[in-house]
Amino acid sequence: MTKRPRVIGLALAGTMLLALPVSHHLWGAPPAGNKQLICHVDETTGTGKVLEIAKQAIPAHCAHHLRDFTNLPAGTVKGAACTPPTGARVCVAAP
């Protein structure tokens, strides 16, 4: 009687060990070419930092962070400081 729960537990553990890498591969982070730079402005301090996020996440990100923008100057790199533009705020995913 005590062997059955152990066998079931081992089978479940084995299934989970196989499922985690497979699920990460299928639904994990998008490939590098599918990402875009965005200036994320901290709502409290007003300081900005360049992040790299998935293009499909940009509309939701911009909807929740009203000061973030994607119209960055040429040569901007991930992790750099950024300041909000003086003109119009543009927050759209690149084609």
N, C-alpha and C. Protein backbone atom coordinates (compact mmCIF):
# COMPACT_ATOMS: atom_id res chain seq x y z
N MET A 1 0.80 -1.21 0.00
CA MET A 1 0.00 0.00 0.00
C MET A 1 0.84 1.28 0.00
N THR A 2 2.00 1.26 0.64
CA THR A 2 2.80 2.48 0.70
C THR A 2 3.59 2.71 -0.58
N LYS A 3 3.73 1.68 -1.42
CA LYS A 3 4.48 1.86 -2.67
C LYS A 3 3.67 2.63 -3.71
N ARG A 4 2.35 2.48 -3.70
CA ARG A 4 1.52 3.15 -4.71
C ARG A 4 1.65 4.67 -4.62
N PRO A 5 1.51 5.31 -3.44
CA PRO A 5 1.67 6.77 -3.39
C PRO A 5 3.07 7.21 -3.83
N ARG A 6 4.08 6.40 -3.50
CA ARG A 6 5.44 6.75 -3.89
C ARG A 6 5.59 6.71 -5.41
N VAL A 7 5.03 5.70 -6.05
CA VAL A 7 5.10 5.57 -7.50
C VAL A 7 4.35 6.72 -8.16
N ILE A 8 3.18 7.04 -7.63
CA ILE A 8 2.40 8.15 -8.19
C ILE A 8 3.16 9.46 -8.02
N GLY A 9 3.76 9.66 -6.86
CA GLY A 9 4.55 10.87 -6.61
C GLY A 9 5.73 10.99 -7.55
N LEU A 10 6.43 9.89 -7.77
CA LEU A 10 7.57 9.91 -8.69
C LEU A 10 7.11 10.17 -10.12
N ALA A 11 5.96 9.61 -10.50
CA ALA A 11 5.44 9.85 -11.86
C ALA A 11 5.07 11.31 -12.03
N LEU A 12 4.43 11.90 -11.03
CA LEU A 12 4.06 13.31 -11.10
C LEU A 12 5.30 14.21 -11.14
N ALA A 13 6.29 13.89 -10.33
CA ALA A 13 7.53 14.67 -10.32
C ALA A 13 8.23 14.59 -11.68
N GLY A 14 8.26 13.42 -12.26
CA GLY A 14 8.88 13.25 -13.56
C GLY A 14 8.14 14.03 -14.63
N THR A 15 6.82 14.02 -14.55
CA THR A 15 6.01 14.78 -15.51
C THR A 15 6.30 16.27 -15.40
N MET A 16 6.39 16.79 -14.18
CA MET A 16 6.66 18.20 -13.97
C MET A 16 8.06 18.58 -14.47
N LEU A 17 9.03 17.72 -14.23
CA LEU A 17 10.39 18.00 -14.70
C LEU A 17 10.44 18.06 -16.22
N LEU A 18 9.62 17.28 -16.89
CA LEU A 18 9.57 17.32 -18.34
C LEU A 18 8.74 18.50 -18.83
N ALA A 19 7.65 18.82 -18.13
CA ALA A 19 6.72 19.86 -18.58
C ALA A 19 7.32 21.26 -18.46
N LEU A 20 8.10 21.53 -17.43
CA LEU A 20 8.64 22.88 -17.24
C LEU A 20 9.52 23.35 -18.40
N PRO A 21 10.52 22.57 -18.83
CA PRO A 21 11.33 23.04 -19.95
C PRO A 21 10.53 23.14 -21.25
N VAL A 22 9.59 22.23 -21.46
CA VAL A 22 8.79 22.25 -22.68
C VAL A 22 7.90 23.49 -22.69
N SER A 23 7.25 23.79 -21.55
CA SER A 23 6.37 24.96 -21.50
C SER A 23 7.17 26.25 -21.65
N HIS A 24 8.37 26.31 -21.09
CA HIS A 24 9.19 27.51 -21.24
C HIS A 24 9.59 27.70 -22.71
N HIS A 25 9.87 26.60 -23.37
CA HIS A 25 10.25 26.68 -24.78
C HIS A 25 9.07 27.15 -25.63
N LEU A 26 7.88 26.64 -25.33
CA LEU A 26 6.70 26.98 -26.13
C LEU A 26 6.15 28.36 -25.82
N TRP A 27 6.14 28.74 -24.53
CA TRP A 27 5.50 30.00 -24.13
C TRP A 27 6.45 30.93 -23.42
N GLY A 28 7.72 30.73 -23.53
CA GLY A 28 8.70 31.54 -22.83
C GLY A 28 8.90 32.90 -23.47
N ALA A 29 10.01 33.49 -23.17
CA ALA A 29 10.33 34.82 -23.69
C ALA A 29 10.43 34.80 -25.21
N PRO A 30 10.00 35.86 -25.86
CA PRO A 30 10.10 35.91 -27.31
C PRO A 30 11.55 36.00 -27.78
N PRO A 31 11.81 35.65 -29.03
CA PRO A 31 13.18 35.76 -29.53
C PRO A 31 13.67 37.19 -29.51
N ALA A 32 14.96 37.36 -29.50
CA ALA A 32 15.57 38.69 -29.36
C ALA A 32 15.10 39.66 -30.44
N GLY A 33 14.86 39.21 -31.64
CA GLY A 33 14.42 40.08 -32.72
C GLY A 33 13.01 40.61 -32.54
N ASN A 34 12.28 40.06 -31.58
CA ASN A 34 10.90 40.46 -31.35
C ASN A 34 10.79 41.41 -30.15
N LYS A 35 11.87 42.05 -29.80
CA LYS A 35 11.88 42.97 -28.66
C LYS A 35 12.18 44.39 -29.13
N GLN A 36 11.83 45.34 -28.30
CA GLN A 36 12.01 46.74 -28.64
C GLN A 36 12.42 47.51 -27.39
N LEU A 37 13.19 48.58 -27.60
CA LEU A 37 13.60 49.43 -26.49
C LEU A 37 12.47 50.41 -26.15
N ILE A 38 12.31 50.65 -24.85
CA ILE A 38 11.29 51.58 -24.36
C ILE A 38 11.88 52.32 -23.16
N CYS A 39 11.57 53.60 -23.04
CA CYS A 39 12.02 54.35 -21.86
C CYS A 39 10.94 54.22 -20.79
N HIS A 40 11.30 53.57 -19.70
CA HIS A 40 10.38 53.40 -18.58
C HIS A 40 10.68 54.50 -17.56
N VAL A 41 9.71 55.36 -17.35
CA VAL A 41 9.88 56.48 -16.42
C VAL A 41 9.23 56.13 -15.09
N ASP A 42 10.03 56.17 -14.02
CA ASP A 42 9.52 55.89 -12.68
C ASP A 42 8.53 56.98 -12.28
N GLU A 43 7.34 56.58 -11.89
CA GLU A 43 6.28 57.54 -11.56
C GLU A 43 6.62 58.37 -10.32
N THR A 44 7.40 57.83 -9.41
CA THR A 44 7.72 58.53 -8.17
C THR A 44 8.86 59.52 -8.35
N THR A 45 9.95 59.06 -8.95
CA THR A 45 11.15 59.89 -9.06
C THR A 45 11.22 60.68 -10.37
N GLY A 46 10.53 60.23 -11.39
CA GLY A 46 10.58 60.89 -12.69
C GLY A 46 11.81 60.54 -13.50
N THR A 47 12.65 59.63 -13.00
CA THR A 47 13.84 59.21 -13.74
C THR A 47 13.47 58.08 -14.69
N GLY A 48 14.17 58.03 -15.82
CA GLY A 48 13.88 57.01 -16.81
C GLY A 48 15.03 56.06 -17.03
N LYS A 49 14.70 54.84 -17.42
CA LYS A 49 15.71 53.83 -17.72
C LYS A 49 15.23 53.06 -18.95
N VAL A 50 16.13 52.78 -19.86
CA VAL A 50 15.78 52.08 -21.09
C VAL A 50 15.66 50.58 -20.80
N LEU A 51 14.49 50.05 -21.14
CA LEU A 51 14.22 48.61 -20.99
C LEU A 51 14.03 48.01 -22.37
N GLU A 52 14.21 46.70 -22.46
CA GLU A 52 13.94 45.97 -23.69
C GLU A 52 12.80 45.01 -23.40
N ILE A 53 11.65 45.21 -24.04
CA ILE A 53 10.50 44.35 -23.79
C ILE A 53 9.94 43.82 -25.11
N ALA A 54 9.13 42.78 -25.02
CA ALA A 54 8.51 42.19 -26.20
C ALA A 54 7.60 43.20 -26.87
N LYS A 55 7.63 43.22 -28.21
CA LYS A 55 6.81 44.17 -28.96
C LYS A 55 5.33 44.02 -28.63
N GLN A 56 4.87 42.78 -28.45
CA GLN A 56 3.46 42.58 -28.17
C GLN A 56 3.07 43.06 -26.77
N ALA A 57 4.04 43.32 -25.89
CA ALA A 57 3.75 43.81 -24.55
C ALA A 57 3.73 45.33 -24.46
N ILE A 58 4.17 46.01 -25.51
CA ILE A 58 4.28 47.47 -25.47
C ILE A 58 2.93 48.17 -25.28
N PRO A 59 1.85 47.80 -25.98
CA PRO A 59 0.59 48.51 -25.75
C PRO A 59 0.10 48.43 -24.30
N ALA A 60 0.18 47.26 -23.70
CA ALA A 60 -0.25 47.11 -22.31
C ALA A 60 0.68 47.88 -21.37
N HIS A 61 1.98 47.83 -21.64
CA HIS A 61 2.94 48.53 -20.80
C HIS A 61 2.68 50.04 -20.84
N CYS A 62 2.46 50.56 -22.03
CA CYS A 62 2.23 52.00 -22.19
C CYS A 62 0.89 52.41 -21.57
N ALA A 63 -0.08 51.52 -21.59
CA ALA A 63 -1.38 51.83 -20.98
C ALA A 63 -1.28 51.94 -19.47
N HIS A 64 -0.37 51.20 -18.86
CA HIS A 64 -0.21 51.22 -17.41
C HIS A 64 0.82 52.24 -16.93
N HIS A 65 1.71 52.65 -17.80
CA HIS A 65 2.77 53.60 -17.45
C HIS A 65 2.66 54.79 -18.40
N LEU A 66 1.93 55.79 -17.98
CA LEU A 66 1.56 56.88 -18.88
C LEU A 66 2.69 57.81 -19.27
N ARG A 67 3.85 57.69 -18.64
CA ARG A 67 4.98 58.55 -19.01
C ARG A 67 6.02 57.82 -19.84
N ASP A 68 5.86 56.52 -20.07
CA ASP A 68 6.82 55.75 -20.87
C ASP A 68 6.67 56.09 -22.35
N PHE A 69 7.76 55.90 -23.10
CA PHE A 69 7.72 56.22 -24.52
C PHE A 69 8.69 55.37 -25.31
N THR A 70 8.44 55.28 -26.62
CA THR A 70 9.29 54.47 -27.49
C THR A 70 10.06 55.31 -28.50
N ASN A 71 9.78 56.60 -28.59
CA ASN A 71 10.51 57.44 -29.55
C ASN A 71 11.86 57.86 -28.95
N LEU A 72 12.76 56.89 -28.92
CA LEU A 72 14.10 57.09 -28.36
C LEU A 72 15.06 57.58 -29.44
N PRO A 73 16.06 58.36 -29.06
CA PRO A 73 17.04 58.80 -30.04
C PRO A 73 17.88 57.63 -30.56
N ALA A 74 18.40 57.78 -31.76
CA ALA A 74 19.27 56.75 -32.34
C ALA A 74 20.48 56.53 -31.44
N GLY A 75 20.91 55.31 -31.34
CA GLY A 75 22.07 54.96 -30.53
C GLY A 75 21.75 54.67 -29.07
N THR A 76 20.48 54.70 -28.68
CA THR A 76 20.09 54.39 -27.31
C THR A 76 20.34 52.91 -27.04
N VAL A 77 20.85 52.60 -25.85
CA VAL A 77 21.15 51.22 -25.48
C VAL A 77 20.37 50.82 -24.23
N LYS A 78 20.10 49.53 -24.13
CA LYS A 78 19.40 48.96 -22.99
C LYS A 78 20.15 49.26 -21.70
N GLY A 79 19.43 49.69 -20.67
CA GLY A 79 20.03 49.98 -19.37
C GLY A 79 20.46 51.42 -19.19
N ALA A 80 20.47 52.20 -20.27
CA ALA A 80 20.90 53.60 -20.18
C ALA A 80 19.80 54.44 -19.54
N ALA A 81 20.20 55.59 -19.01
CA ALA A 81 19.22 56.54 -18.49
C ALA A 81 18.55 57.23 -19.67
N CYS A 82 17.30 57.63 -19.48
CA CYS A 82 16.59 58.34 -20.55
C CYS A 82 15.70 59.41 -19.92
N THR A 83 15.42 60.43 -20.68
CA THR A 83 14.56 61.51 -20.21
C THR A 83 13.37 61.64 -21.14
N PRO A 84 12.21 61.98 -20.61
CA PRO A 84 11.01 62.11 -21.46
C PRO A 84 11.25 63.14 -22.55
N PRO A 85 10.70 62.90 -23.74
CA PRO A 85 10.89 63.83 -24.86
C PRO A 85 10.19 65.17 -24.60
N THR A 86 10.69 66.20 -25.23
CA THR A 86 10.07 67.53 -25.09
C THR A 86 8.83 67.61 -25.97
N GLY A 87 8.77 66.84 -27.03
CA GLY A 87 7.62 66.85 -27.93
C GLY A 87 6.57 65.84 -27.50
N ALA A 88 5.87 65.33 -28.47
CA ALA A 88 4.80 64.37 -28.21
C ALA A 88 5.35 63.04 -27.74
N ARG A 89 4.64 62.41 -26.84
CA ARG A 89 4.99 61.08 -26.34
C ARG A 89 4.48 60.05 -27.35
N VAL A 90 5.37 59.20 -27.83
CA VAL A 90 5.00 58.13 -28.74
C VAL A 90 5.26 56.80 -28.02
N CYS A 91 4.25 55.96 -27.97
CA CYS A 91 4.43 54.68 -27.30
C CYS A 91 3.72 53.59 -28.11
N VAL A 92 4.39 53.16 -29.17
CA VAL A 92 3.83 52.14 -30.05
C VAL A 92 4.91 51.11 -30.39
N ALA A 93 4.47 49.92 -30.71
CA ALA A 93 5.42 48.86 -31.12
C ALA A 93 5.85 49.11 -32.55
N ALA A 94 7.12 48.91 -32.80
CA ALA A 94 7.66 49.04 -34.16
C ALA A 94 7.16 47.89 -35.01
N PRO A 95 6.97 48.11 -36.30
CA PRO A 95 6.50 47.01 -37.18
C PRO A 95 7.53 45.92 -37.31
